[in-house]
Amino acid sequence: MMNILYKEALNRKNNPKEGSYTNYLFDKGLDKILKKVGEEATEVVIGAKNADKEEIANETADLLYHLAVMLVETGVTIDDVNAVLEARQGKKSNVHDRKEVTDY
């Protein structure tokens, strides 16, 4: 699904359509897109805290859409992201080597 979202966002950037929300985001620029990514990420967290599956699904969909728009705007492809994920797959985590966070 991320490939589809990415391709649709890329198409909208290359072939603007009047009245398109995606084009509105591109027209407003990276700061607006990043603001929306942050808002949607927060809403995913709230949905999870509320243990509301429908809210989690809806807000995650919104987040993935806005991430696709952000990737297009920054020139990062789905293949770039997939390459990072593939490189990480099967590797041992360094989580135990990290300093514990005690200040909140």
PDB file of N, CA and C in Angstrom:
ATOM      1  N   MET A   1       0.814  -1.195   0.000  1.00  0.00           N
ATOM      2  CA  MET A   1       0.000   0.000   0.000  1.00  0.00           C
ATOM      3  C   MET A   1       0.864   1.268   0.000  1.00  0.00           C
ATOM      4  N   MET A   2       2.021   1.207   0.678  1.00  0.00           N
ATOM      5  CA  MET A   2       2.898   2.390   0.693  1.00  0.00           C
ATOM      6  C   MET A   2       3.363   2.733  -0.723  1.00  0.00           C
ATOM      7  N   ASN A   3       3.607   1.718  -1.539  1.00  0.00           N
ATOM      8  CA  ASN A   3       3.998   1.998  -2.926  1.00  0.00           C
ATOM      9  C   ASN A   3       2.904   2.765  -3.656  1.00  0.00           C
ATOM     10  N   ILE A   4       1.661   2.372  -3.435  1.00  0.00           N
ATOM     11  CA  ILE A   4       0.544   3.050  -4.082  1.00  0.00           C
ATOM     12  C   ILE A   4       0.437   4.488  -3.586  1.00  0.00           C
ATOM     13  N   LEU A   5       0.493   4.682  -2.259  1.00  0.00           N
ATOM     14  CA  LEU A   5       0.430   6.037  -1.705  1.00  0.00           C
ATOM     15  C   LEU A   5       1.551   6.910  -2.261  1.00  0.00           C
ATOM     16  N   TYR A   6       2.753   6.340  -2.301  1.00  0.00           N
ATOM     17  CA  TYR A   6       3.907   7.091  -2.799  1.00  0.00           C
ATOM     18  C   TYR A   6       3.710   7.474  -4.265  1.00  0.00           C
ATOM     19  N   LYS A   7       3.309   6.498  -5.074  1.00  0.00           N
ATOM     20  CA  LYS A   7       3.116   6.768  -6.507  1.00  0.00           C
ATOM     21  C   LYS A   7       2.025   7.798  -6.742  1.00  0.00           C
ATOM     22  N   GLU A   8       0.963   7.738  -5.955  1.00  0.00           N
ATOM     23  CA  GLU A   8      -0.112   8.728  -6.102  1.00  0.00           C
ATOM     24  C   GLU A   8       0.369  10.117  -5.701  1.00  0.00           C
ATOM     25  N   ALA A   9       1.142  10.211  -4.629  1.00  0.00           N
ATOM     26  CA  ALA A   9       1.680  11.505  -4.206  1.00  0.00           C
ATOM     27  C   ALA A   9       2.652  12.042  -5.254  1.00  0.00           C
ATOM     28  N   LEU A  10       3.501  11.181  -5.778  1.00  0.00           N
ATOM     29  CA  LEU A  10       4.459  11.586  -6.809  1.00  0.00           C
ATOM     30  C   LEU A  10       3.729  12.058  -8.064  1.00  0.00           C
ATOM     31  N   ASN A  11       2.696  11.328  -8.449  1.00  0.00           N
ATOM     32  CA  ASN A  11       1.907  11.719  -9.608  1.00  0.00           C
ATOM     33  C   ASN A  11       1.253  13.083  -9.393  1.00  0.00           C
ATOM     34  N   ARG A  12       0.741  13.296  -8.192  1.00  0.00           N
ATOM     35  CA  ARG A  12       0.085  14.579  -7.890  1.00  0.00           C
ATOM     36  C   ARG A  12       1.105  15.716  -7.924  1.00  0.00           C
ATOM     37  N   LYS A  13       2.322  15.447  -7.462  1.00  0.00           N
ATOM     38  CA  LYS A  13       3.359  16.487  -7.503  1.00  0.00           C
ATOM     39  C   LYS A  13       3.710  16.825  -8.946  1.00  0.00           C
ATOM     40  N   ASN A  14       3.811  15.799  -9.774  1.00  0.00           N
ATOM     41  CA  ASN A  14       4.190  15.999 -11.176  1.00  0.00           C
ATOM     42  C   ASN A  14       3.027  16.456 -12.047  1.00  0.00           C
ATOM     43  N   ASN A  15       1.801  16.149 -11.645  1.00  0.00           N
ATOM     44  CA  ASN A  15       0.593  16.490 -12.407  1.00  0.00           C
ATOM     45  C   ASN A  15      -0.433  17.102 -11.468  1.00  0.00           C
ATOM     46  N   PRO A  16      -0.194  18.347 -11.054  1.00  0.00           N
ATOM     47  CA  PRO A  16      -1.085  18.980 -10.080  1.00  0.00           C
ATOM     48  C   PRO A  16      -2.546  18.987 -10.544  1.00  0.00           C
ATOM     49  N   LYS A  17      -3.428  18.851  -9.565  1.00  0.00           N
ATOM     50  CA  LYS A  17      -4.862  18.888  -9.826  1.00  0.00           C
ATOM     51  C   LYS A  17      -5.469  19.935  -8.902  1.00  0.00           C
ATOM     52  N   GLU A  18      -6.165  20.873  -9.486  1.00  0.00           N
ATOM     53  CA  GLU A  18      -6.762  21.945  -8.695  1.00  0.00           C
ATOM     54  C   GLU A  18      -7.721  21.369  -7.656  1.00  0.00           C
ATOM     55  N   GLY A  19      -7.626  21.891  -6.449  1.00  0.00           N
ATOM     56  CA  GLY A  19      -8.491  21.450  -5.364  1.00  0.00           C
ATOM     57  C   GLY A  19      -7.983  20.226  -4.625  1.00  0.00           C
ATOM     58  N   SER A  20      -6.837  19.694  -5.043  1.00  0.00           N
ATOM     59  CA  SER A  20      -6.271  18.501  -4.422  1.00  0.00           C
ATOM     60  C   SER A  20      -5.620  18.849  -3.082  1.00  0.00           C
ATOM     61  N   TYR A  21      -5.959  18.085  -2.046  1.00  0.00           N
ATOM     62  CA  TYR A  21      -5.328  18.284  -0.740  1.00  0.00           C
ATOM     63  C   TYR A  21      -3.833  17.997  -0.828  1.00  0.00           C
ATOM     64  N   THR A  22      -3.462  16.997  -1.598  1.00  0.00           N
ATOM     65  CA  THR A  22      -2.045  16.669  -1.754  1.00  0.00           C
ATOM     66  C   THR A  22      -1.299  17.844  -2.369  1.00  0.00           C
ATOM     67  N   ASN A  23      -1.873  18.451  -3.396  1.00  0.00           N
ATOM     68  CA  ASN A  23      -1.238  19.619  -3.997  1.00  0.00           C
ATOM     69  C   ASN A  23      -1.209  20.804  -3.044  1.00  0.00           C
ATOM     70  N   TYR A  24      -2.231  20.933  -2.220  1.00  0.00           N
ATOM     71  CA  TYR A  24      -2.226  21.977  -1.194  1.00  0.00           C
ATOM     72  C   TYR A  24      -0.993  21.808  -0.300  1.00  0.00           C
ATOM     73  N   LEU A  25      -0.736  20.565   0.122  1.00  0.00           N
ATOM     74  CA  LEU A  25       0.434  20.309   0.969  1.00  0.00           C
ATOM     75  C   LEU A  25       1.726  20.644   0.238  1.00  0.00           C
ATOM     76  N   PHE A  26       1.855  20.192  -1.010  1.00  0.00           N
ATOM     77  CA  PHE A  26       3.068  20.499  -1.775  1.00  0.00           C
ATOM     78  C   PHE A  26       3.233  22.004  -1.965  1.00  0.00           C
ATOM     79  N   ASP A  27       2.139  22.704  -2.217  1.00  0.00           N
ATOM     80  CA  ASP A  27       2.200  24.151  -2.399  1.00  0.00           C
ATOM     81  C   ASP A  27       2.642  24.859  -1.121  1.00  0.00           C
ATOM     82  N   LYS A  28       2.213  24.353   0.028  1.00  0.00           N
ATOM     83  CA  LYS A  28       2.581  24.968   1.304  1.00  0.00           C
ATOM     84  C   LYS A  28       4.018  24.654   1.692  1.00  0.00           C
ATOM     85  N   GLY A  29       4.549  23.547   1.197  1.00  0.00           N
ATOM     86  CA  GLY A  29       5.952  23.230   1.408  1.00  0.00           C
ATOM     87  C   GLY A  29       6.220  22.258   2.545  1.00  0.00           C
ATOM     88  N   LEU A  30       7.495  21.995   2.733  1.00  0.00           N
ATOM     89  CA  LEU A  30       7.946  20.973   3.670  1.00  0.00           C
ATOM     90  C   LEU A  30       7.508  21.245   5.106  1.00  0.00           C
ATOM     91  N   ASP A  31       7.559  22.499   5.547  1.00  0.00           N
ATOM     92  CA  ASP A  31       7.173  22.782   6.931  1.00  0.00           C
ATOM     93  C   ASP A  31       5.731  22.357   7.214  1.00  0.00           C
ATOM     94  N   LYS A  32       4.820  22.645   6.294  1.00  0.00           N
ATOM     95  CA  LYS A  32       3.419  22.257   6.471  1.00  0.00           C
ATOM     96  C   LYS A  32       3.290  20.732   6.455  1.00  0.00           C
ATOM     97  N   ILE A  33       3.983  20.085   5.539  1.00  0.00           N
ATOM     98  CA  ILE A  33       3.933  18.623   5.458  1.00  0.00           C
ATOM     99  C   ILE A  33       4.445  18.007   6.754  1.00  0.00           C
ATOM    100  N   LEU A  34       5.548  18.516   7.263  1.00  0.00           N
ATOM    101  CA  LEU A  34       6.109  17.983   8.514  1.00  0.00           C
ATOM    102  C   LEU A  34       5.189  18.242   9.697  1.00  0.00           C
ATOM    103  N   LYS A  35       4.524  19.381   9.707  1.00  0.00           N
ATOM    104  CA  LYS A  35       3.557  19.664  10.763  1.00  0.00           C
ATOM    105  C   LYS A  35       2.447  18.621  10.753  1.00  0.00           C
ATOM    106  N   LYS A  36       1.976  18.270   9.558  1.00  0.00           N
ATOM    107  CA  LYS A  36       0.917  17.264   9.447  1.00  0.00           C
ATOM    108  C   LYS A  36       1.429  15.881   9.864  1.00  0.00           C
ATOM    109  N   VAL A  37       2.658  15.533   9.505  1.00  0.00           N
ATOM    110  CA  VAL A  37       3.233  14.254   9.933  1.00  0.00           C
ATOM    111  C   VAL A  37       3.263  14.197  11.452  1.00  0.00           C
ATOM    112  N   GLY A  38       3.708  15.269  12.088  1.00  0.00           N
ATOM    113  CA  GLY A  38       3.754  15.321  13.552  1.00  0.00           C
ATOM    114  C   GLY A  38       2.377  15.213  14.176  1.00  0.00           C
ATOM    115  N   GLU A  39       1.407  15.932  13.620  1.00  0.00           N
ATOM    116  CA  GLU A  39       0.041  15.873  14.147  1.00  0.00           C
ATOM    117  C   GLU A  39      -0.529  14.464  14.044  1.00  0.00           C
ATOM    118  N   GLU A  40      -0.330  13.849  12.882  1.00  0.00           N
ATOM    119  CA  GLU A  40      -0.884  12.505  12.683  1.00  0.00           C
ATOM    120  C   GLU A  40      -0.184  11.479  13.568  1.00  0.00           C
ATOM    121  N   ALA A  41       1.118  11.620  13.764  1.00  0.00           N
ATOM    122  CA  ALA A  41       1.847  10.707  14.658  1.00  0.00           C
ATOM    123  C   ALA A  41       1.309  10.810  16.075  1.00  0.00           C
ATOM    124  N   THR A  42       1.057  12.037  16.510  1.00  0.00           N
ATOM    125  CA  THR A  42       0.487  12.257  17.847  1.00  0.00           C
ATOM    126  C   THR A  42      -0.888  11.617  17.957  1.00  0.00           C
ATOM    127  N   GLU A  43      -1.689  11.746  16.910  1.00  0.00           N
ATOM    128  CA  GLU A  43      -3.023  11.158  16.930  1.00  0.00           C
ATOM    129  C   GLU A  43      -2.976   9.626  16.957  1.00  0.00           C
ATOM    130  N   VAL A  44      -1.959   9.033  16.331  1.00  0.00           N
ATOM    131  CA  VAL A  44      -1.770   7.575  16.428  1.00  0.00           C
ATOM    132  C   VAL A  44      -1.486   7.195  17.876  1.00  0.00           C
ATOM    133  N   VAL A  45      -0.623   7.948  18.527  1.00  0.00           N
ATOM    134  CA  VAL A  45      -0.277   7.675  19.924  1.00  0.00           C
ATOM    135  C   VAL A  45      -1.517   7.791  20.805  1.00  0.00           C
ATOM    136  N   ILE A  46      -2.306   8.827  20.602  1.00  0.00           N
ATOM    137  CA  ILE A  46      -3.532   9.009  21.392  1.00  0.00           C
ATOM    138  C   ILE A  46      -4.494   7.853  21.145  1.00  0.00           C
ATOM    139  N   GLY A  47      -4.645   7.449  19.894  1.00  0.00           N
ATOM    140  CA  GLY A  47      -5.507   6.313  19.582  1.00  0.00           C
ATOM    141  C   GLY A  47      -5.047   5.046  20.286  1.00  0.00           C
ATOM    142  N   ALA A  48      -3.743   4.829  20.294  1.00  0.00           N
ATOM    143  CA  ALA A  48      -3.202   3.650  20.967  1.00  0.00           C
ATOM    144  C   ALA A  48      -3.417   3.725  22.472  1.00  0.00           C
ATOM    145  N   LYS A  49      -3.215   4.912  23.037  1.00  0.00           N
ATOM    146  CA  LYS A  49      -3.465   5.077  24.476  1.00  0.00           C
ATOM    147  C   LYS A  49      -4.930   4.834  24.816  1.00  0.00           C
ATOM    148  N   ASN A  50      -5.814   5.195  23.893  1.00  0.00           N
ATOM    149  CA  ASN A  50      -7.249   4.975  24.095  1.00  0.00           C
ATOM    150  C   ASN A  50      -7.670   3.535  23.790  1.00  0.00           C
ATOM    151  N   ALA A  51      -6.736   2.736  23.300  1.00  0.00           N
ATOM    152  CA  ALA A  51      -7.002   1.343  22.912  1.00  0.00           C
ATOM    153  C   ALA A  51      -8.212   1.247  21.983  1.00  0.00           C
ATOM    154  N   ASP A  52      -8.289   2.211  21.050  1.00  0.00           N
ATOM    155  CA  ASP A  52      -9.399   2.283  20.101  1.00  0.00           C
ATOM    156  C   ASP A  52      -8.889   1.830  18.736  1.00  0.00           C
ATOM    157  N   LYS A  53      -9.198   0.579  18.371  1.00  0.00           N
ATOM    158  CA  LYS A  53      -8.666   0.010  17.137  1.00  0.00           C
ATOM    159  C   LYS A  53      -9.060   0.812  15.904  1.00  0.00           C
ATOM    160  N   GLU A  54     -10.301   1.283  15.855  1.00  0.00           N
ATOM    161  CA  GLU A  54     -10.738   2.056  14.696  1.00  0.00           C
ATOM    162  C   GLU A  54      -9.969   3.372  14.595  1.00  0.00           C
ATOM    163  N   GLU A  55      -9.783   4.039  15.730  1.00  0.00           N
ATOM    164  CA  GLU A  55      -9.023   5.285  15.754  1.00  0.00           C
ATOM    165  C   GLU A  55      -7.572   5.038  15.361  1.00  0.00           C
ATOM    166  N   ILE A  56      -6.992   3.963  15.867  1.00  0.00           N
ATOM    167  CA  ILE A  56      -5.609   3.624  15.524  1.00  0.00           C
ATOM    168  C   ILE A  56      -5.483   3.390  14.025  1.00  0.00           C
ATOM    169  N   ALA A  57      -6.392   2.620  13.451  1.00  0.00           N
ATOM    170  CA  ALA A  57      -6.341   2.323  12.015  1.00  0.00           C
ATOM    171  C   ALA A  57      -6.502   3.595  11.189  1.00  0.00           C
ATOM    172  N   ASN A  58      -7.467   4.429  11.554  1.00  0.00           N
ATOM    173  CA  ASN A  58      -7.704   5.674  10.807  1.00  0.00           C
ATOM    174  C   ASN A  58      -6.519   6.624  10.902  1.00  0.00           C
ATOM    175  N   GLU A  59      -5.998   6.807  12.083  1.00  0.00           N
ATOM    176  CA  GLU A  59      -4.894   7.747  12.263  1.00  0.00           C
ATOM    177  C   GLU A  59      -3.598   7.205  11.653  1.00  0.00           C
ATOM    178  N   THR A  60      -3.402   5.888  11.698  1.00  0.00           N
ATOM    179  CA  THR A  60      -2.233   5.305  11.047  1.00  0.00           C
ATOM    180  C   THR A  60      -2.315   5.493   9.540  1.00  0.00           C
ATOM    181  N   ALA A  61      -3.499   5.328   8.978  1.00  0.00           N
ATOM    182  CA  ALA A  61      -3.679   5.576   7.541  1.00  0.00           C
ATOM    183  C   ALA A  61      -3.336   7.025   7.207  1.00  0.00           C
ATOM    184  N   ASP A  62      -3.802   7.958   8.033  1.00  0.00           N
ATOM    185  CA  ASP A  62      -3.482   9.372   7.816  1.00  0.00           C
ATOM    186  C   ASP A  62      -1.976   9.608   7.903  1.00  0.00           C
ATOM    187  N   LEU A  63      -1.331   8.991   8.883  1.00  0.00           N
ATOM    188  CA  LEU A  63       0.107   9.149   9.055  1.00  0.00           C
ATOM    189  C   LEU A  63       0.870   8.600   7.848  1.00  0.00           C
ATOM    190  N   LEU A  64       0.495   7.421   7.391  1.00  0.00           N
ATOM    191  CA  LEU A  64       1.185   6.820   6.242  1.00  0.00           C
ATOM    192  C   LEU A  64       1.030   7.678   4.995  1.00  0.00           C
ATOM    193  N   TYR A  65      -0.164   8.232   4.795  1.00  0.00           N
ATOM    194  CA  TYR A  65      -0.387   9.130   3.666  1.00  0.00           C
ATOM    195  C   TYR A  65       0.536  10.347   3.758  1.00  0.00           C
ATOM    196  N   HIS A  66       0.569  10.987   4.915  1.00  0.00           N
ATOM    197  CA  HIS A  66       1.396  12.184   5.067  1.00  0.00           C
ATOM    198  C   HIS A  66       2.885  11.841   4.981  1.00  0.00           C
ATOM    199  N   LEU A  67       3.278  10.658   5.435  1.00  0.00           N
ATOM    200  CA  LEU A  67       4.668  10.223   5.266  1.00  0.00           C
ATOM    201  C   LEU A  67       5.007  10.047   3.789  1.00  0.00           C
ATOM    202  N   ALA A  68       4.081   9.512   3.010  1.00  0.00           N
ATOM    203  CA  ALA A  68       4.307   9.358   1.572  1.00  0.00           C
ATOM    204  C   ALA A  68       4.517  10.721   0.919  1.00  0.00           C
ATOM    205  N   VAL A  69       3.700  11.694   1.286  1.00  0.00           N
ATOM    206  CA  VAL A  69       3.843  13.047   0.748  1.00  0.00           C
ATOM    207  C   VAL A  69       5.202  13.626   1.152  1.00  0.00           C
ATOM    208  N   MET A  70       5.598  13.421   2.411  1.00  0.00           N
ATOM    209  CA  MET A  70       6.887  13.917   2.892  1.00  0.00           C
ATOM    210  C   MET A  70       8.045  13.264   2.133  1.00  0.00           C
ATOM    211  N   LEU A  71       7.939  11.969   1.880  1.00  0.00           N
ATOM    212  CA  LEU A  71       8.998  11.285   1.139  1.00  0.00           C
ATOM    213  C   LEU A  71       9.141  11.870  -0.256  1.00  0.00           C
ATOM    214  N   VAL A  72       8.028  12.065  -0.937  1.00  0.00           N
ATOM    215  CA  VAL A  72       8.071  12.660  -2.275  1.00  0.00           C
ATOM    216  C   VAL A  72       8.698  14.048  -2.215  1.00  0.00           C
ATOM    217  N   GLU A  73       8.262  14.847  -1.271  1.00  0.00           N
ATOM    218  CA  GLU A  73       8.765  16.227  -1.160  1.00  0.00           C
ATOM    219  C   GLU A  73      10.267  16.262  -0.907  1.00  0.00           C
ATOM    220  N   THR A  74      10.782  15.287  -0.166  1.00  0.00           N
ATOM    221  CA  THR A  74      12.208  15.282   0.179  1.00  0.00           C
ATOM    222  C   THR A  74      13.053  14.451  -0.790  1.00  0.00           C
ATOM    223  N   GLY A  75      12.406  13.803  -1.760  1.00  0.00           N
ATOM    224  CA  GLY A  75      13.145  13.027  -2.750  1.00  0.00           C
ATOM    225  C   GLY A  75      13.612  11.668  -2.274  1.00  0.00           C
ATOM    226  N   VAL A  76      13.048  11.200  -1.184  1.00  0.00           N
ATOM    227  CA  VAL A  76      13.370   9.869  -0.673  1.00  0.00           C
ATOM    228  C   VAL A  76      12.332   8.900  -1.240  1.00  0.00           C
ATOM    229  N   THR A  77      12.802   7.802  -1.823  1.00  0.00           N
ATOM    230  CA  THR A  77      11.881   6.855  -2.443  1.00  0.00           C
ATOM    231  C   THR A  77      11.533   5.714  -1.486  1.00  0.00           C
ATOM    232  N   ILE A  78      10.494   5.003  -1.838  1.00  0.00           N
ATOM    233  CA  ILE A  78      10.124   3.800  -1.091  1.00  0.00           C
ATOM    234  C   ILE A  78      11.260   2.790  -1.171  1.00  0.00           C
ATOM    235  N   ASP A  79      11.932   2.723  -2.314  1.00  0.00           N
ATOM    236  CA  ASP A  79      13.077   1.820  -2.452  1.00  0.00           C
ATOM    237  C   ASP A  79      14.191   2.194  -1.475  1.00  0.00           C
ATOM    238  N   ASP A  80      14.392   3.491  -1.251  1.00  0.00           N
ATOM    239  CA  ASP A  80      15.399   3.938  -0.270  1.00  0.00           C
ATOM    240  C   ASP A  80      15.047   3.427   1.125  1.00  0.00           C
ATOM    241  N   VAL A  81      13.789   3.568   1.489  1.00  0.00           N
ATOM    242  CA  VAL A  81      13.330   3.121   2.814  1.00  0.00           C
ATOM    243  C   VAL A  81      13.425   1.604   2.910  1.00  0.00           C
ATOM    244  N   ASN A  82      12.982   0.916   1.868  1.00  0.00           N
ATOM    245  CA  ASN A  82      13.049  -0.547   1.868  1.00  0.00           C
ATOM    246  C   ASN A  82      14.486  -1.046   1.990  1.00  0.00           C
ATOM    247  N   ALA A  83      15.422  -0.365   1.356  1.00  0.00           N
ATOM    248  CA  ALA A  83      16.831  -0.766   1.440  1.00  0.00           C
ATOM    249  C   ALA A  83      17.338  -0.681   2.876  1.00  0.00           C
ATOM    250  N   VAL A  84      16.945   0.358   3.587  1.00  0.00           N
ATOM    251  CA  VAL A  84      17.347   0.497   4.991  1.00  0.00           C
ATOM    252  C   VAL A  84      16.732  -0.620   5.822  1.00  0.00           C
ATOM    253  N   LEU A  85      15.442  -0.873   5.608  1.00  0.00           N
ATOM    254  CA  LEU A  85      14.765  -1.929   6.373  1.00  0.00           C
ATOM    255  C   LEU A  85      15.368  -3.301   6.074  1.00  0.00           C
ATOM    256  N   GLU A  86      15.668  -3.561   4.812  1.00  0.00           N
ATOM    257  CA  GLU A  86      16.278  -4.844   4.446  1.00  0.00           C
ATOM    258  C   GLU A  86      17.664  -4.997   5.060  1.00  0.00           C
ATOM    259  N   ALA A  87      18.425  -3.914   5.097  1.00  0.00           N
ATOM    260  CA  ALA A  87      19.763  -3.964   5.693  1.00  0.00           C
ATOM    261  C   ALA A  87      19.697  -4.239   7.189  1.00  0.00           C
ATOM    262  N   ARG A  88      18.614  -3.797   7.820  1.00  0.00           N
ATOM    263  CA  ARG A  88      18.456  -4.006   9.261  1.00  0.00           C
ATOM    264  C   ARG A  88      17.924  -5.388   9.609  1.00  0.00           C
ATOM    265  N   GLN A  89      17.246  -6.011   8.674  1.00  0.00           N
ATOM    266  CA  GLN A  89      16.583  -7.285   8.954  1.00  0.00           C
ATOM    267  C   GLN A  89      17.587  -8.351   9.363  1.00  0.00           C
ATOM    268  N   GLY A  90      17.286  -8.992  10.475  1.00  0.00           N
ATOM    269  CA  GLY A  90      18.116 -10.081  10.959  1.00  0.00           C
ATOM    270  C   GLY A  90      19.321  -9.639  11.778  1.00  0.00           C
ATOM    271  N   LYS A  91      19.532  -8.347  11.883  1.00  0.00           N
ATOM    272  CA  LYS A  91      20.661  -7.865  12.678  1.00  0.00           C
ATOM    273  C   LYS A  91      20.285  -7.839  14.145  1.00  0.00           C
ATOM    274  N   LYS A  92      21.283  -8.072  14.977  1.00  0.00           N
ATOM    275  CA  LYS A  92      21.082  -8.017  16.417  1.00  0.00           C
ATOM    276  C   LYS A  92      20.944  -6.567  16.853  1.00  0.00           C
ATOM    277  N   SER A  93      19.994  -6.325  17.699  1.00  0.00           N
ATOM    278  CA  SER A  93      19.752  -4.970  18.192  1.00  0.00           C
ATOM    279  C   SER A  93      20.862  -4.533  19.135  1.00  0.00           C
ATOM    280  N   ASN A  94      21.147  -3.249  19.112  1.00  0.00           N
ATOM    281  CA  ASN A  94      22.134  -2.675  20.030  1.00  0.00           C
ATOM    282  C   ASN A  94      21.457  -2.025  21.221  1.00  0.00           C
ATOM    283  N   VAL A  95      20.185  -2.347  21.442  1.00  0.00           N
ATOM    284  CA  VAL A  95      19.419  -1.676  22.485  1.00  0.00           C
ATOM    285  C   VAL A  95      20.062  -1.829  23.858  1.00  0.00           C
ATOM    286  N   HIS A  96      20.721  -2.936  24.110  1.00  0.00           N
ATOM    287  CA  HIS A  96      21.337  -3.154  25.422  1.00  0.00           C
ATOM    288  C   HIS A  96      22.631  -2.355  25.590  1.00  0.00           C
ATOM    289  N   ASP A  97      23.191  -1.881  24.480  1.00  0.00           N
ATOM    290  CA  ASP A  97      24.410  -1.083  24.540  1.00  0.00           C
ATOM    291  C   ASP A  97      24.129   0.404  24.712  1.00  0.00           C
ATOM    292  N   ARG A  98      22.849   0.769  24.623  1.00  0.00           N
ATOM    293  CA  ARG A  98      22.484   2.179  24.712  1.00  0.00           C
ATOM    294  C   ARG A  98      22.331   2.610  26.156  1.00  0.00           C
ATOM    295  N   LYS A  99      22.683   3.858  26.377  1.00  0.00           N
ATOM    296  CA  LYS A  99      22.546   4.428  27.698  1.00  0.00           C
ATOM    297  C   LYS A  99      21.051   4.560  28.037  1.00  0.00           C
ATOM    298  N   GLU A 100      20.702   4.212  29.267  1.00  0.00           N
ATOM    299  CA  GLU A 100      19.312   4.291  29.689  1.00  0.00           C
ATOM    300  C   GLU A 100      18.914   5.750  29.859  1.00  0.00           C
ATOM    301  N   VAL A 101      17.714   6.075  29.380  1.00  0.00           N
ATOM    302  CA  VAL A 101      17.180   7.424  29.531  1.00  0.00           C
ATOM    303  C   VAL A 101      16.481   7.494  30.893  1.00  0.00           C
ATOM    304  N   THR A 102      16.951   8.419  31.722  1.00  0.00           N
ATOM    305  CA  THR A 102      16.357   8.548  33.058  1.00  0.00           C
ATOM    306  C   THR A 102      15.695   9.899  33.255  1.00  0.00           C
ATOM    307  N   ASP A 103      15.997  10.860  32.401  1.00  0.00           N
ATOM    308  CA  ASP A 103      15.408  12.191  32.525  1.00  0.00           C
ATOM    309  C   ASP A 103      14.225  12.308  31.570  1.00  0.00           C
ATOM    310  N   TYR A 104      13.064  12.587  32.125  1.00  0.00           N
ATOM    311  CA  TYR A 104      11.870  12.706  31.287  1.00  0.00           C
ATOM    312  C   TYR A 104      11.306  14.099  31.394  1.00  0.00           C
TER     313      TYR A 104
END
